[in-house]
Amino acid sequence: MWAPSGHNGAVADGFWFYAIVLGAAFAQVSRDLALQVRDTVRESHRSIFWPTLLWQVFLLLLCIEVFIAVAAYTSEPQDRSVLNFMAFLAIPVGIFIASLLLEGGPDEALDPQRCFARSRKVLFAIVIALPAMNIVHEAILGEAGLDGDLLFQVLLIIGGVIGFFVRSTRADVVLAVAMNVVIATYIGTLYSTVRF
């Protein structure tokens, strides 16, 4: 679903670039998770803001899902256009941007709760846009189907829409936990083996 299903010529070389961007997204999310835990341990007055932490875990799981999908689908080479490759590249770029939004940027004085409140609209817009673009992309290629991939993407879109309307920390935590369960279930059920 999230991975390029084939390659040829220059596009094949482009998948190295794809892997680099995906690796950068994974590194960014991992770094942000580590920094949040480190800052909480170092500063006794500071507590973990769970919505941020849980959405970072979600992005980390999403990186893992994309990597598994790449490994699973690149074993079936097909001719793909550069535009097709660019559509797939939007996924790791979106993950990277979402992670930067959760980090809060250069304003270190801004606490995680305020960072999350300030960037939530863009974060949830990304959560909605990534699967929506993929659904449209698959439909254009004639590869759309009523399967687990579509269900997973629809659940992500629903979760992103709900994110626009919840306003309490408890509701944010429940939503983030639910989204982590969705993606972990997806990885566990649709990918029984991975070929490297």
N, C-alpha and C. Protein backbone atom coordinates (compact mmCIF):
# COMPACT_ATOMS: atom_id res chain seq x y z
N MET A 1 0.82 -1.19 0.00
CA MET A 1 0.00 0.00 0.00
C MET A 1 0.86 1.24 0.00
N TRP A 2 1.76 1.39 0.98
CA TRP A 2 2.53 2.62 1.10
C TRP A 2 3.82 2.58 0.31
N ALA A 3 4.09 1.46 -0.34
CA ALA A 3 5.40 1.30 -0.95
C ALA A 3 5.31 1.28 -2.46
N PRO A 4 6.40 1.69 -3.13
CA PRO A 4 6.45 1.54 -4.57
C PRO A 4 6.46 0.07 -4.92
N SER A 5 5.64 -0.34 -5.87
CA SER A 5 5.53 -1.76 -6.16
C SER A 5 6.44 -2.19 -7.29
N GLY A 6 7.29 -1.35 -7.76
CA GLY A 6 8.21 -1.76 -8.81
C GLY A 6 9.16 -0.64 -9.18
N HIS A 7 10.08 -0.94 -10.11
CA HIS A 7 11.03 0.09 -10.50
C HIS A 7 11.64 -0.26 -11.84
N ASN A 8 12.20 0.76 -12.48
CA ASN A 8 12.98 0.58 -13.70
C ASN A 8 13.86 1.79 -13.90
N GLY A 9 14.96 1.63 -14.60
CA GLY A 9 15.83 2.74 -14.99
C GLY A 9 16.14 3.71 -13.87
N ALA A 10 15.92 4.99 -14.19
CA ALA A 10 16.23 6.06 -13.23
C ALA A 10 15.36 5.97 -11.99
N VAL A 11 14.14 5.47 -12.16
CA VAL A 11 13.26 5.35 -11.00
C VAL A 11 13.83 4.35 -10.00
N ALA A 12 14.49 3.28 -10.50
CA ALA A 12 15.11 2.30 -9.60
C ALA A 12 16.15 2.97 -8.72
N ASP A 13 16.98 3.84 -9.33
CA ASP A 13 17.96 4.57 -8.54
C ASP A 13 17.27 5.50 -7.55
N GLY A 14 16.10 6.00 -7.92
CA GLY A 14 15.36 6.90 -7.05
C GLY A 14 14.91 6.24 -5.77
N PHE A 15 14.80 4.93 -5.76
CA PHE A 15 14.37 4.25 -4.53
C PHE A 15 15.43 4.30 -3.44
N TRP A 16 16.69 4.50 -3.83
CA TRP A 16 17.71 4.75 -2.82
C TRP A 16 17.41 6.07 -2.12
N PHE A 17 17.02 7.06 -2.92
CA PHE A 17 16.63 8.35 -2.35
C PHE A 17 15.41 8.18 -1.45
N TYR A 18 14.46 7.38 -1.90
CA TYR A 18 13.26 7.09 -1.11
C TYR A 18 13.67 6.51 0.25
N ALA A 19 14.61 5.54 0.22
CA ALA A 19 15.06 4.91 1.45
C ALA A 19 15.75 5.92 2.37
N ILE A 20 16.50 6.86 1.80
CA ILE A 20 17.18 7.88 2.60
C ILE A 20 16.16 8.79 3.28
N VAL A 21 15.13 9.22 2.52
CA VAL A 21 14.10 10.09 3.09
C VAL A 21 13.34 9.36 4.19
N LEU A 22 13.00 8.09 3.94
CA LEU A 22 12.31 7.29 4.96
C LEU A 22 13.20 7.12 6.20
N GLY A 23 14.49 6.89 5.98
CA GLY A 23 15.42 6.77 7.11
C GLY A 23 15.52 8.06 7.90
N ALA A 24 15.50 9.19 7.20
CA ALA A 24 15.54 10.49 7.88
C ALA A 24 14.29 10.70 8.72
N ALA A 25 13.14 10.30 8.18
CA ALA A 25 11.89 10.41 8.94
C ALA A 25 11.95 9.54 10.19
N PHE A 26 12.45 8.30 10.04
CA PHE A 26 12.57 7.39 11.17
C PHE A 26 13.52 7.97 12.22
N ALA A 27 14.65 8.52 11.76
CA ALA A 27 15.62 9.10 12.70
C ALA A 27 15.03 10.30 13.42
N GLN A 28 14.28 11.15 12.71
CA GLN A 28 13.67 12.33 13.32
C GLN A 28 12.68 11.93 14.41
N VAL A 29 11.82 10.96 14.10
CA VAL A 29 10.82 10.52 15.08
C VAL A 29 11.51 9.89 16.29
N SER A 30 12.50 9.04 16.04
CA SER A 30 13.23 8.39 17.15
C SER A 30 13.91 9.42 18.03
N ARG A 31 14.52 10.42 17.39
CA ARG A 31 15.19 11.49 18.14
C ARG A 31 14.21 12.25 19.01
N ASP A 32 13.05 12.60 18.44
CA ASP A 32 12.06 13.35 19.21
C ASP A 32 11.54 12.55 20.40
N LEU A 33 11.34 11.26 20.20
CA LEU A 33 10.92 10.40 21.31
C LEU A 33 11.98 10.39 22.41
N ALA A 34 13.23 10.21 22.00
CA ALA A 34 14.32 10.16 22.97
C ALA A 34 14.46 11.48 23.72
N LEU A 35 14.34 12.60 23.00
CA LEU A 35 14.47 13.91 23.65
C LEU A 35 13.36 14.16 24.66
N GLN A 36 12.15 13.74 24.32
CA GLN A 36 11.05 13.95 25.26
C GLN A 36 11.26 13.14 26.53
N VAL A 37 11.69 11.90 26.39
CA VAL A 37 11.95 11.07 27.57
C VAL A 37 13.13 11.64 28.35
N ARG A 38 14.20 12.05 27.64
CA ARG A 38 15.36 12.63 28.32
C ARG A 38 15.01 13.88 29.11
N ASP A 39 14.24 14.78 28.49
CA ASP A 39 13.87 16.02 29.17
C ASP A 39 13.01 15.76 30.39
N THR A 40 12.15 14.75 30.31
CA THR A 40 11.30 14.41 31.45
C THR A 40 12.13 13.85 32.60
N VAL A 41 13.14 13.03 32.27
CA VAL A 41 14.00 12.45 33.31
C VAL A 41 14.88 13.53 33.94
N ARG A 42 15.41 14.44 33.13
CA ARG A 42 16.33 15.47 33.63
C ARG A 42 15.62 16.53 34.45
N GLU A 43 14.41 16.87 34.06
CA GLU A 43 13.68 17.95 34.73
C GLU A 43 12.55 17.34 35.56
N SER A 44 12.75 17.31 36.86
CA SER A 44 11.79 16.64 37.75
C SER A 44 10.41 17.29 37.72
N HIS A 45 10.35 18.59 37.41
CA HIS A 45 9.07 19.29 37.38
C HIS A 45 8.30 19.05 36.08
N ARG A 46 8.97 18.47 35.10
CA ARG A 46 8.35 18.29 33.79
C ARG A 46 7.81 16.88 33.65
N SER A 47 6.57 16.77 33.22
CA SER A 47 5.98 15.44 33.00
C SER A 47 5.77 15.21 31.51
N ILE A 48 5.67 13.96 31.15
CA ILE A 48 5.45 13.61 29.74
C ILE A 48 4.06 14.06 29.32
N PHE A 49 3.98 14.71 28.17
CA PHE A 49 2.68 15.03 27.59
C PHE A 49 2.32 13.87 26.68
N TRP A 50 1.42 13.03 27.15
CA TRP A 50 1.16 11.74 26.51
C TRP A 50 0.66 11.82 25.07
N PRO A 51 -0.19 12.78 24.70
CA PRO A 51 -0.59 12.83 23.29
C PRO A 51 0.60 12.98 22.33
N THR A 52 1.55 13.85 22.69
CA THR A 52 2.73 14.01 21.83
C THR A 52 3.52 12.72 21.75
N LEU A 53 3.79 12.10 22.90
CA LEU A 53 4.56 10.87 22.94
C LEU A 53 3.87 9.78 22.13
N LEU A 54 2.55 9.62 22.28
CA LEU A 54 1.82 8.57 21.59
C LEU A 54 1.75 8.81 20.08
N TRP A 55 1.63 10.06 19.67
CA TRP A 55 1.63 10.35 18.23
C TRP A 55 3.03 10.14 17.65
N GLN A 56 4.08 10.36 18.42
CA GLN A 56 5.43 10.05 17.95
C GLN A 56 5.59 8.54 17.78
N VAL A 57 5.03 7.76 18.71
CA VAL A 57 5.06 6.30 18.56
C VAL A 57 4.29 5.89 17.30
N PHE A 58 3.15 6.53 17.06
CA PHE A 58 2.38 6.26 15.85
C PHE A 58 3.22 6.51 14.59
N LEU A 59 3.92 7.64 14.56
CA LEU A 59 4.75 7.95 13.40
C LEU A 59 5.89 6.95 13.24
N LEU A 60 6.44 6.49 14.36
CA LEU A 60 7.49 5.48 14.32
C LEU A 60 6.94 4.18 13.73
N LEU A 61 5.76 3.76 14.18
CA LEU A 61 5.13 2.56 13.63
C LEU A 61 4.80 2.74 12.15
N LEU A 62 4.41 3.94 11.76
CA LEU A 62 4.12 4.21 10.36
C LEU A 62 5.39 4.08 9.52
N CYS A 63 6.51 4.57 10.03
CA CYS A 63 7.79 4.38 9.33
C CYS A 63 8.10 2.90 9.15
N ILE A 64 7.88 2.13 10.20
CA ILE A 64 8.14 0.69 10.13
C ILE A 64 7.22 0.03 9.10
N GLU A 65 5.95 0.43 9.10
CA GLU A 65 5.00 -0.14 8.12
C GLU A 65 5.43 0.19 6.70
N VAL A 66 5.86 1.42 6.47
CA VAL A 66 6.31 1.81 5.13
C VAL A 66 7.53 1.00 4.72
N PHE A 67 8.47 0.81 5.65
CA PHE A 67 9.66 0.02 5.34
C PHE A 67 9.30 -1.41 5.00
N ILE A 68 8.41 -2.01 5.78
CA ILE A 68 7.99 -3.39 5.50
C ILE A 68 7.30 -3.46 4.14
N ALA A 69 6.47 -2.47 3.84
CA ALA A 69 5.78 -2.45 2.55
C ALA A 69 6.77 -2.34 1.40
N VAL A 70 7.81 -1.52 1.57
CA VAL A 70 8.85 -1.40 0.54
C VAL A 70 9.51 -2.75 0.32
N ALA A 71 9.89 -3.42 1.42
CA ALA A 71 10.55 -4.72 1.31
C ALA A 71 9.64 -5.75 0.65
N ALA A 72 8.35 -5.68 0.97
CA ALA A 72 7.41 -6.66 0.43
C ALA A 72 7.12 -6.45 -1.04
N TYR A 73 7.01 -5.19 -1.48
CA TYR A 73 6.54 -4.93 -2.83
C TYR A 73 7.63 -4.75 -3.86
N THR A 74 8.85 -4.44 -3.45
CA THR A 74 9.90 -4.26 -4.45
C THR A 74 10.35 -5.58 -5.05
N SER A 75 9.90 -6.70 -4.49
CA SER A 75 10.23 -8.00 -5.08
C SER A 75 9.37 -8.30 -6.31
N GLU A 76 8.41 -7.44 -6.61
CA GLU A 76 7.54 -7.62 -7.78
C GLU A 76 7.74 -6.43 -8.72
N PRO A 77 8.83 -6.40 -9.49
CA PRO A 77 9.12 -5.22 -10.31
C PRO A 77 8.09 -4.98 -11.41
N GLN A 78 7.73 -3.74 -11.57
CA GLN A 78 6.84 -3.28 -12.63
C GLN A 78 7.32 -1.90 -13.06
N ASP A 79 6.98 -1.54 -14.27
CA ASP A 79 7.34 -0.21 -14.74
C ASP A 79 6.50 0.83 -14.01
N ARG A 80 7.16 1.84 -13.48
CA ARG A 80 6.47 2.93 -12.78
C ARG A 80 7.00 4.26 -13.28
N SER A 81 6.15 5.24 -13.29
CA SER A 81 6.56 6.57 -13.75
C SER A 81 7.21 7.36 -12.62
N VAL A 82 7.86 8.44 -13.00
CA VAL A 82 8.45 9.34 -12.02
C VAL A 82 7.34 9.96 -11.15
N LEU A 83 6.20 10.28 -11.75
CA LEU A 83 5.09 10.83 -10.98
C LEU A 83 4.60 9.83 -9.94
N ASN A 84 4.60 8.56 -10.32
CA ASN A 84 4.23 7.51 -9.38
C ASN A 84 5.20 7.50 -8.20
N PHE A 85 6.48 7.59 -8.50
CA PHE A 85 7.50 7.63 -7.45
C PHE A 85 7.31 8.83 -6.54
N MET A 86 7.00 9.99 -7.12
CA MET A 86 6.80 11.20 -6.33
C MET A 86 5.60 11.06 -5.39
N ALA A 87 4.55 10.36 -5.86
CA ALA A 87 3.39 10.15 -5.00
C ALA A 87 3.78 9.30 -3.79
N PHE A 88 4.62 8.29 -4.00
CA PHE A 88 5.07 7.47 -2.89
C PHE A 88 6.01 8.24 -1.96
N LEU A 89 6.81 9.13 -2.53
CA LEU A 89 7.76 9.91 -1.73
C LEU A 89 7.04 10.84 -0.76
N ALA A 90 5.80 11.20 -1.06
CA ALA A 90 5.03 12.07 -0.17
C ALA A 90 4.83 11.44 1.21
N ILE A 91 4.82 10.11 1.27
CA ILE A 91 4.58 9.43 2.55
C ILE A 91 5.70 9.70 3.56
N PRO A 92 6.97 9.35 3.26
CA PRO A 92 8.01 9.64 4.27
C PRO A 92 8.21 11.14 4.51
N VAL A 93 8.01 11.97 3.49
CA VAL A 93 8.12 13.42 3.69
C VAL A 93 7.04 13.89 4.67
N GLY A 94 5.82 13.37 4.51
CA GLY A 94 4.73 13.72 5.42
C GLY A 94 5.02 13.29 6.85
N ILE A 95 5.59 12.10 7.01
CA ILE A 95 5.95 11.62 8.35
C ILE A 95 7.00 12.54 8.98
N PHE A 96 8.00 12.93 8.18
CA PHE A 96 9.06 13.81 8.67
C PHE A 96 8.49 15.15 9.13
N ILE A 97 7.61 15.74 8.32
CA ILE A 97 7.01 17.03 8.66
C ILE A 97 6.15 16.91 9.92
N ALA A 98 5.36 15.83 10.02
CA ALA A 98 4.52 15.63 11.20
C ALA A 98 5.37 15.53 12.46
N SER A 99 6.50 14.85 12.36
CA SER A 99 7.38 14.72 13.52
C SER A 99 7.96 16.08 13.93
N LEU A 100 8.33 16.88 12.94
CA LEU A 100 8.83 18.23 13.25
C LEU A 100 7.77 19.07 13.93
N LEU A 101 6.52 18.91 13.53
CA LEU A 101 5.43 19.66 14.17
C LEU A 101 5.29 19.26 15.63
N LEU A 102 5.42 17.97 15.92
CA LEU A 102 5.30 17.51 17.30
C LEU A 102 6.47 17.98 18.14
N GLU A 103 7.63 18.14 17.51
CA GLU A 103 8.82 18.60 18.23
C GLU A 103 8.64 20.03 18.70
N GLY A 104 7.97 20.85 17.93
CA GLY A 104 7.71 22.21 18.34
C GLY A 104 8.66 23.24 17.79
N GLY A 105 9.67 22.83 17.05
CA GLY A 105 10.54 23.79 16.39
C GLY A 105 11.55 24.41 17.32
N PRO A 106 12.09 25.58 16.93
CA PRO A 106 13.21 26.18 17.68
C PRO A 106 12.80 26.83 18.99
N ASP A 107 11.51 26.99 19.23
CA ASP A 107 11.05 27.66 20.45
C ASP A 107 11.05 26.66 21.61
N GLU A 108 12.20 26.46 22.23
CA GLU A 108 12.33 25.45 23.27
C GLU A 108 11.55 25.81 24.53
N ALA A 109 11.19 27.08 24.67
CA ALA A 109 10.44 27.49 25.85
C ALA A 109 8.99 27.02 25.78
N LEU A 110 8.55 26.64 24.59
CA LEU A 110 7.17 26.21 24.42
C LEU A 110 7.03 24.78 24.92
N ASP A 111 6.15 24.55 25.88
CA ASP A 111 6.02 23.22 26.45
C ASP A 111 5.28 22.31 25.47
N PRO A 112 5.43 20.98 25.63
CA PRO A 112 4.85 20.03 24.68
C PRO A 112 3.33 20.18 24.49
N GLN A 113 2.61 20.52 25.56
CA GLN A 113 1.17 20.66 25.44
C GLN A 113 0.81 21.84 24.53
N ARG A 114 1.50 22.95 24.70
CA ARG A 114 1.24 24.12 23.84
C ARG A 114 1.68 23.85 22.41
N CYS A 115 2.81 23.14 22.24
CA CYS A 115 3.27 22.78 20.89
C CYS A 115 2.22 21.93 20.18
N PHE A 116 1.67 20.95 20.90
CA PHE A 116 0.67 20.07 20.32
C PHE A 116 -0.58 20.85 19.94
N ALA A 117 -1.02 21.72 20.84
CA ALA A 117 -2.22 22.52 20.56
C ALA A 117 -2.01 23.44 19.37
N ARG A 118 -0.82 23.99 19.27
CA ARG A 118 -0.52 24.94 18.19
C ARG A 118 -0.45 24.25 16.82
N SER A 119 0.04 23.01 16.78
CA SER A 119 0.28 22.35 15.49
C SER A 119 -0.72 21.24 15.17
N ARG A 120 -1.74 21.04 16.02
CA ARG A 120 -2.64 19.90 15.85
C ARG A 120 -3.38 19.92 14.52
N LYS A 121 -3.80 21.10 14.04
CA LYS A 121 -4.55 21.14 12.78
C LYS A 121 -3.71 20.66 11.61
N VAL A 122 -2.46 21.09 11.57
CA VAL A 122 -1.59 20.65 10.47
C VAL A 122 -1.26 19.17 10.64
N LEU A 123 -1.00 18.73 11.88
CA LEU A 123 -0.72 17.32 12.13
C LEU A 123 -1.85 16.43 11.64
N PHE A 124 -3.07 16.75 12.02
CA PHE A 124 -4.19 15.91 11.62
C PHE A 124 -4.51 16.06 10.13
N ALA A 125 -4.21 17.21 9.56
CA ALA A 125 -4.36 17.35 8.10
C ALA A 125 -3.41 16.40 7.38
N ILE A 126 -2.19 16.24 7.91
CA ILE A 126 -1.23 15.30 7.32
C ILE A 126 -1.71 13.87 7.50
N VAL A 127 -2.22 13.55 8.70
CA VAL A 127 -2.74 12.20 8.96
C VAL A 127 -3.86 11.85 7.99
N ILE A 128 -4.67 12.84 7.63
CA ILE A 128 -5.76 12.63 6.67
C ILE A 128 -5.21 12.58 5.24
N ALA A 129 -4.30 13.49 4.91
CA ALA A 129 -3.83 13.64 3.53
C ALA A 129 -3.05 12.42 3.03
N LEU A 130 -2.22 11.82 3.87
CA LEU A 130 -1.38 10.71 3.41
C LEU A 130 -2.22 9.53 2.90
N PRO A 131 -3.16 9.00 3.68
CA PRO A 131 -3.95 7.90 3.13
C PRO A 131 -4.91 8.34 2.03
N ALA A 132 -5.42 9.57 2.11
CA ALA A 132 -6.33 10.04 1.06
C ALA A 132 -5.61 10.12 -0.28
N MET A 133 -4.37 10.64 -0.28
CA MET A 133 -3.59 10.69 -1.52
C MET A 133 -3.33 9.29 -2.04
N ASN A 134 -3.06 8.37 -1.13
CA ASN A 134 -2.77 7.00 -1.55
C ASN A 134 -4.00 6.34 -2.17
N ILE A 135 -5.18 6.59 -1.60
CA ILE A 135 -6.41 6.03 -2.16
C ILE A 135 -6.64 6.56 -3.57
N VAL A 136 -6.48 7.87 -3.74
CA VAL A 136 -6.65 8.48 -5.07
C VAL A 136 -5.62 7.93 -6.04
N HIS A 137 -4.38 7.81 -5.58
CA HIS A 137 -3.30 7.30 -6.42
C HIS A 137 -3.61 5.87 -6.89
N GLU A 138 -4.03 5.01 -5.98
CA GLU A 138 -4.36 3.63 -6.34
C GLU A 138 -5.55 3.58 -7.29
N ALA A 139 -6.52 4.47 -7.08
CA ALA A 139 -7.68 4.51 -7.97
C ALA A 139 -7.27 4.91 -9.38
N ILE A 140 -6.37 5.89 -9.50
CA ILE A 140 -5.90 6.33 -10.82
C ILE A 140 -5.16 5.20 -11.52
N LEU A 141 -4.38 4.42 -10.76
CA LEU A 141 -3.63 3.30 -11.34
C LEU A 141 -4.50 2.07 -11.58
N GLY A 142 -5.75 2.12 -11.10
CA GLY A 142 -6.63 0.96 -11.23
C GLY A 142 -6.30 -0.17 -10.28
N GLU A 143 -5.61 0.16 -9.17
CA GLU A 143 -5.20 -0.86 -8.20
C GLU A 143 -6.02 -0.83 -6.92
N ALA A 144 -7.04 0.05 -6.88
CA ALA A 144 -7.85 0.15 -5.67
C ALA A 144 -8.73 -1.09 -5.52
N GLY A 145 -8.94 -1.50 -4.30
CA GLY A 145 -9.78 -2.67 -4.05
C GLY A 145 -10.34 -2.61 -2.64
N LEU A 146 -11.40 -3.36 -2.42
CA LEU A 146 -12.00 -3.46 -1.08
C LEU A 146 -11.23 -4.52 -0.30
N ASP A 147 -10.19 -4.07 0.39
CA ASP A 147 -9.32 -5.00 1.11
C ASP A 147 -8.83 -4.37 2.41
N GLY A 148 -7.89 -5.05 3.06
CA GLY A 148 -7.34 -4.55 4.32
C GLY A 148 -6.63 -3.22 4.17
N ASP A 149 -5.96 -3.02 3.04
CA ASP A 149 -5.29 -1.74 2.80
C ASP A 149 -6.28 -0.58 2.83
N LEU A 150 -7.38 -0.74 2.13
CA LEU A 150 -8.38 0.33 2.08
C LEU A 150 -8.97 0.58 3.46
N LEU A 151 -9.29 -0.49 4.19
CA LEU A 151 -9.84 -0.34 5.53
C LEU A 151 -8.86 0.43 6.43
N PHE A 152 -7.59 0.07 6.37
CA PHE A 152 -6.56 0.74 7.16
C PHE A 152 -6.51 2.23 6.83
N GLN A 153 -6.51 2.55 5.54
CA GLN A 153 -6.44 3.94 5.12
C GLN A 153 -7.67 4.73 5.57
N VAL A 154 -8.84 4.11 5.46
CA VAL A 154 -10.07 4.78 5.89
C VAL A 154 -10.05 5.03 7.40
N LEU A 155 -9.55 4.06 8.17
CA LEU A 155 -9.46 4.25 9.62
C LEU A 155 -8.50 5.39 9.97
N LEU A 156 -7.41 5.52 9.22
CA LEU A 156 -6.49 6.64 9.45
C LEU A 156 -7.19 7.97 9.17
N ILE A 157 -7.93 8.02 8.08
CA ILE A 157 -8.65 9.26 7.74
C ILE A 157 -9.66 9.61 8.82
N ILE A 158 -10.41 8.61 9.28
CA ILE A 158 -11.40 8.84 10.34
C ILE A 158 -10.72 9.36 11.60
N GLY A 159 -9.58 8.74 11.97
CA GLY A 159 -8.84 9.19 13.15
C GLY A 159 -8.36 10.63 13.00
N GLY A 160 -7.89 10.99 11.80
CA GLY A 160 -7.45 12.36 11.57
C GLY A 160 -8.60 13.35 11.68
N VAL A 161 -9.77 12.98 11.14
CA VAL A 161 -10.95 13.86 11.23
C VAL A 161 -11.36 14.05 12.68
N ILE A 162 -11.39 12.96 13.43
CA ILE A 162 -11.74 13.04 14.85
C ILE A 162 -10.77 13.97 15.58
N GLY A 163 -9.50 13.92 15.20
CA GLY A 163 -8.49 14.76 15.84
C GLY A 163 -8.78 16.25 15.75
N PHE A 164 -9.50 16.66 14.71
CA PHE A 164 -9.86 18.08 14.57
C PHE A 164 -10.87 18.52 15.62
N PHE A 165 -11.63 17.57 16.17
CA PHE A 165 -12.75 17.94 17.04
C PHE A 165 -12.50 17.69 18.52
N VAL A 166 -11.57 16.81 18.86
CA VAL A 166 -11.32 16.56 20.29
C VAL A 166 -10.51 17.72 20.87
N ARG A 167 -10.79 18.04 22.13
CA ARG A 167 -10.13 19.19 22.73
C ARG A 167 -9.59 18.92 24.13
N SER A 168 -9.76 17.72 24.64
CA SER A 168 -9.23 17.43 25.97
C SER A 168 -8.02 16.50 25.84
N THR A 169 -7.13 16.60 26.79
CA THR A 169 -5.94 15.74 26.79
C THR A 169 -6.34 14.28 26.85
N ARG A 170 -7.35 13.96 27.65
CA ARG A 170 -7.79 12.57 27.77
C ARG A 170 -8.28 12.04 26.42
N ALA A 171 -9.06 12.84 25.70
CA ALA A 171 -9.56 12.42 24.39
C ALA A 171 -8.41 12.27 23.39
N ASP A 172 -7.42 13.17 23.47
CA ASP A 172 -6.25 13.05 22.61
C ASP A 172 -5.48 11.77 22.88
N VAL A 173 -5.36 11.40 24.15
CA VAL A 173 -4.67 10.16 24.51
C VAL A 173 -5.43 8.96 23.97
N VAL A 174 -6.75 8.94 24.17
CA VAL A 174 -7.57 7.82 23.69
C VAL A 174 -7.45 7.68 22.17
N LEU A 175 -7.53 8.80 21.46
CA LEU A 175 -7.42 8.76 20.00
C LEU A 175 -6.05 8.24 19.57
N ALA A 176 -4.98 8.74 20.21
CA ALA A 176 -3.63 8.32 19.84
C ALA A 176 -3.43 6.83 20.13
N VAL A 177 -3.93 6.35 21.27
CA VAL A 177 -3.83 4.92 21.58
C VAL A 177 -4.58 4.10 20.53
N ALA A 178 -5.78 4.54 20.16
CA ALA A 178 -6.57 3.83 19.15
C ALA A 178 -5.84 3.77 17.82
N MET A 179 -5.21 4.88 17.43
CA MET A 179 -4.49 4.90 16.15
C MET A 179 -3.25 4.00 16.20
N ASN A 180 -2.60 3.93 17.35
CA ASN A 180 -1.47 3.01 17.50
C ASN A 180 -1.92 1.56 17.41
N VAL A 181 -3.07 1.26 18.00
CA VAL A 181 -3.61 -0.10 17.91
C VAL A 181 -3.95 -0.45 16.46
N VAL A 182 -4.54 0.52 15.74
CA VAL A 182 -4.90 0.29 14.33
C VAL A 182 -3.66 -0.04 13.51
N ILE A 183 -2.62 0.77 13.62
CA ILE A 183 -1.45 0.54 12.78
C ILE A 183 -0.68 -0.71 13.21
N ALA A 184 -0.61 -0.98 14.51
CA ALA A 184 0.07 -2.20 14.98
C ALA A 184 -0.70 -3.43 14.52
N THR A 185 -2.02 -3.38 14.56
CA THR A 185 -2.84 -4.49 14.07
C THR A 185 -2.64 -4.69 12.57
N TYR A 186 -2.58 -3.60 11.86
CA TYR A 186 -2.37 -3.66 10.41
C TYR A 186 -1.05 -4.35 10.09
N ILE A 187 0.02 -3.93 10.77
CA ILE A 187 1.34 -4.53 10.54
C ILE A 187 1.31 -6.02 10.89
N GLY A 188 0.68 -6.34 12.02
CA GLY A 188 0.67 -7.73 12.49
C GLY A 188 -0.19 -8.66 11.66
N THR A 189 -1.22 -8.14 11.03
CA THR A 189 -2.13 -9.02 10.29
C THR A 189 -1.86 -9.08 8.80
N LEU A 190 -1.44 -7.98 8.19
CA LEU A 190 -1.27 -7.97 6.73
C LEU A 190 0.13 -8.31 6.28
N TYR A 191 1.09 -8.27 7.21
CA TYR A 191 2.45 -8.65 6.84
C TYR A 191 2.91 -9.81 7.72
N SER A 192 2.71 -11.02 7.23
CA SER A 192 3.10 -12.18 8.03
C SER A 192 4.60 -12.44 7.93
N THR A 193 5.20 -12.14 6.79
CA THR A 193 6.65 -12.31 6.62
C THR A 193 7.18 -11.08 5.87
N VAL A 194 8.47 -10.86 6.02
CA VAL A 194 9.13 -9.75 5.33
C VAL A 194 10.35 -10.30 4.60
N ARG A 195 10.47 -9.92 3.33
CA ARG A 195 11.62 -10.35 2.55
C ARG A 195 12.61 -9.20 2.41
N PHE A 196 13.87 -9.43 2.85
CA PHE A 196 14.90 -8.39 2.76
C PHE A 196 15.93 -8.79 1.74
